[in-house]
Amino acid sequence: MARRAPRAMRPMVLAYPGDRAARDADLQYLLGPDILVAPILEPGGRRKLWVPPGRWRALCGTQPLNGPQWVDVDCGLDEFPAYARADR
């Protein structure tokens, strides 16, 4: 029987099934198991981000975030909102 390889990019709802907040976080995704990506889709560099359970550190060097929670994220033109799982 063939097994399916895990997806490299997973919507939050697939990574956290049954979590209502994960379902509502439809504009962000996991890249592999440990990188959280939350693209800025509108001018202004601000968005709401659902932080999954655990501790996450921004790849751009801001303070670590603890989840689960919703936070507002501000990004400059030279930044991209991506976070690495810090507790692994």
C-alpha atoms as a PDB file:
ATOM      1  CA  MET A   1       0.000   0.000   0.000  1.00  0.00           C
ATOM      2  CA  ALA A   2       1.396   3.406  -0.964  1.00  0.00           C
ATOM      3  CA  ARG A   3       1.674   6.050   1.728  1.00  0.00           C
ATOM      4  CA  ARG A   4       1.168   9.729   1.099  1.00  0.00           C
ATOM      5  CA  ALA A   5       3.986  12.095   1.943  1.00  0.00           C
ATOM      6  CA  PRO A   6       3.053  15.020   4.178  1.00  0.00           C
ATOM      7  CA  ARG A   7       2.372  18.272   2.351  1.00  0.00           C
ATOM      8  CA  ALA A   8       5.121  20.882   2.437  1.00  0.00           C
ATOM      9  CA  MET A   9       2.516  23.663   2.710  1.00  0.00           C
ATOM     10  CA  ARG A  10      -0.455  22.947   4.959  1.00  0.00           C
ATOM     11  CA  PRO A  11      -3.413  25.174   5.755  1.00  0.00           C
ATOM     12  CA  MET A  12      -3.836  25.724   9.472  1.00  0.00           C
ATOM     13  CA  VAL A  13      -7.055  23.704   9.537  1.00  0.00           C
ATOM     14  CA  LEU A  14      -5.170  20.587   8.361  1.00  0.00           C
ATOM     15  CA  ALA A  15      -2.404  21.117  10.894  1.00  0.00           C
ATOM     16  CA  TYR A  16      -4.861  21.705  13.768  1.00  0.00           C
ATOM     17  CA  PRO A  17      -8.082  19.853  12.896  1.00  0.00           C
ATOM     18  CA  GLY A  18     -10.988  20.596  15.158  1.00  0.00           C
ATOM     19  CA  ASP A  19      -9.598  23.970  16.283  1.00  0.00           C
ATOM     20  CA  ARG A  20     -12.034  26.710  15.302  1.00  0.00           C
ATOM     21  CA  ALA A  21      -9.325  29.385  15.343  1.00  0.00           C
ATOM     22  CA  ALA A  22      -7.244  27.320  12.900  1.00  0.00           C
ATOM     23  CA  ARG A  23     -10.227  27.182  10.570  1.00  0.00           C
ATOM     24  CA  ASP A  24     -10.592  30.958  10.769  1.00  0.00           C
ATOM     25  CA  ALA A  25      -6.868  31.480  10.033  1.00  0.00           C
ATOM     26  CA  ASP A  26      -7.388  30.736   6.362  1.00  0.00           C
ATOM     27  CA  LEU A  27      -4.804  33.215   5.017  1.00  0.00           C
ATOM     28  CA  GLN A  28      -1.787  31.684   6.726  1.00  0.00           C
ATOM     29  CA  TYR A  29      -0.131  28.270   6.517  1.00  0.00           C
ATOM     30  CA  LEU A  30       2.603  26.011   7.833  1.00  0.00           C
ATOM     31  CA  LEU A  31       5.654  25.387   5.688  1.00  0.00           C
ATOM     32  CA  GLY A  32       6.765  21.978   6.877  1.00  0.00           C
ATOM     33  CA  PRO A  33       5.934  21.284  10.513  1.00  0.00           C
ATOM     34  CA  ASP A  34       7.806  24.224  12.067  1.00  0.00           C
ATOM     35  CA  ILE A  35       7.525  27.396   9.948  1.00  0.00           C
ATOM     36  CA  LEU A  36       4.403  29.556  10.218  1.00  0.00           C
ATOM     37  CA  VAL A  37       3.865  31.894   7.250  1.00  0.00           C
ATOM     38  CA  ALA A  38       1.368  34.761   7.297  1.00  0.00           C
ATOM     39  CA  PRO A  39       1.599  36.824   4.095  1.00  0.00           C
ATOM     40  CA  ILE A  40       0.613  40.476   4.053  1.00  0.00           C
ATOM     41  CA  LEU A  41      -2.073  40.696   1.388  1.00  0.00           C
ATOM     42  CA  GLU A  42      -3.056  44.355   1.612  1.00  0.00           C
ATOM     43  CA  PRO A  43      -1.160  47.654   1.733  1.00  0.00           C
ATOM     44  CA  GLY A  44      -0.254  48.891   5.182  1.00  0.00           C
ATOM     45  CA  GLY A  45       1.807  45.995   6.519  1.00  0.00           C
ATOM     46  CA  ARG A  46      -0.653  44.963   9.245  1.00  0.00           C
ATOM     47  CA  ARG A  47      -2.629  41.768   9.729  1.00  0.00           C
ATOM     48  CA  LYS A  48      -4.198  39.505  12.336  1.00  0.00           C
ATOM     49  CA  LEU A  49      -2.216  36.349  12.993  1.00  0.00           C
ATOM     50  CA  TRP A  50      -3.350  33.204  14.756  1.00  0.00           C
ATOM     51  CA  VAL A  51      -0.428  31.861  16.760  1.00  0.00           C
ATOM     52  CA  PRO A  52      -0.802  28.079  17.137  1.00  0.00           C
ATOM     53  CA  PRO A  53      -0.087  26.348  20.455  1.00  0.00           C
ATOM     54  CA  GLY A  54       3.537  26.572  21.534  1.00  0.00           C
ATOM     55  CA  ARG A  55       6.268  29.162  21.397  1.00  0.00           C
ATOM     56  CA  TRP A  56       7.161  30.814  18.072  1.00  0.00           C
ATOM     57  CA  ARG A  57       9.993  33.203  17.207  1.00  0.00           C
ATOM     58  CA  ALA A  58       9.872  35.615  14.302  1.00  0.00           C
ATOM     59  CA  LEU A  59      12.414  35.041  11.561  1.00  0.00           C
ATOM     60  CA  CYS A  60      12.770  38.845  11.370  1.00  0.00           C
ATOM     61  CA  GLY A  61      13.840  39.101  15.015  1.00  0.00           C
ATOM     62  CA  THR A  62      10.857  40.407  16.990  1.00  0.00           C
ATOM     63  CA  GLN A  63       9.844  39.062  20.386  1.00  0.00           C
ATOM     64  CA  PRO A  64       8.747  35.416  20.594  1.00  0.00           C
ATOM     65  CA  LEU A  65       5.015  34.715  20.580  1.00  0.00           C
ATOM     66  CA  ASN A  66       3.202  32.199  22.758  1.00  0.00           C
ATOM     67  CA  GLY A  67       0.113  30.469  21.421  1.00  0.00           C
ATOM     68  CA  PRO A  68      -2.644  29.801  21.079  1.00  0.00           C
ATOM     69  CA  GLN A  69      -3.782  33.379  20.611  1.00  0.00           C
ATOM     70  CA  TRP A  70      -4.665  35.979  17.987  1.00  0.00           C
ATOM     71  CA  VAL A  71      -2.238  38.908  17.642  1.00  0.00           C
ATOM     72  CA  ASP A  72      -1.912  41.974  15.419  1.00  0.00           C
ATOM     73  CA  VAL A  73       1.321  41.968  13.430  1.00  0.00           C
ATOM     74  CA  ASP A  74       2.974  45.022  11.870  1.00  0.00           C
ATOM     75  CA  CYS A  75       5.599  44.496   9.169  1.00  0.00           C
ATOM     76  CA  GLY A  76       7.827  46.932   7.352  1.00  0.00           C
ATOM     77  CA  LEU A  77       8.291  46.876   3.604  1.00  0.00           C
ATOM     78  CA  ASP A  78      11.470  44.815   3.985  1.00  0.00           C
ATOM     79  CA  GLU A  79       9.940  42.227   6.345  1.00  0.00           C
ATOM     80  CA  PHE A  80       7.923  39.075   5.809  1.00  0.00           C
ATOM     81  CA  PRO A  81       5.831  37.634   8.650  1.00  0.00           C
ATOM     82  CA  ALA A  82       7.218  34.143   9.164  1.00  0.00           C
ATOM     83  CA  TYR A  83       7.814  32.364  12.470  1.00  0.00           C
ATOM     84  CA  ALA A  84       9.776  29.288  13.506  1.00  0.00           C
ATOM     85  CA  ARG A  85       8.593  26.916  16.201  1.00  0.00           C
ATOM     86  CA  ALA A  86      10.874  27.701  19.153  1.00  0.00           C
ATOM     87  CA  ASP A  87      10.086  24.744  21.385  1.00  0.00           C
ATOM     88  CA  ARG A  88      11.626  22.013  19.207  1.00  0.00           C
END
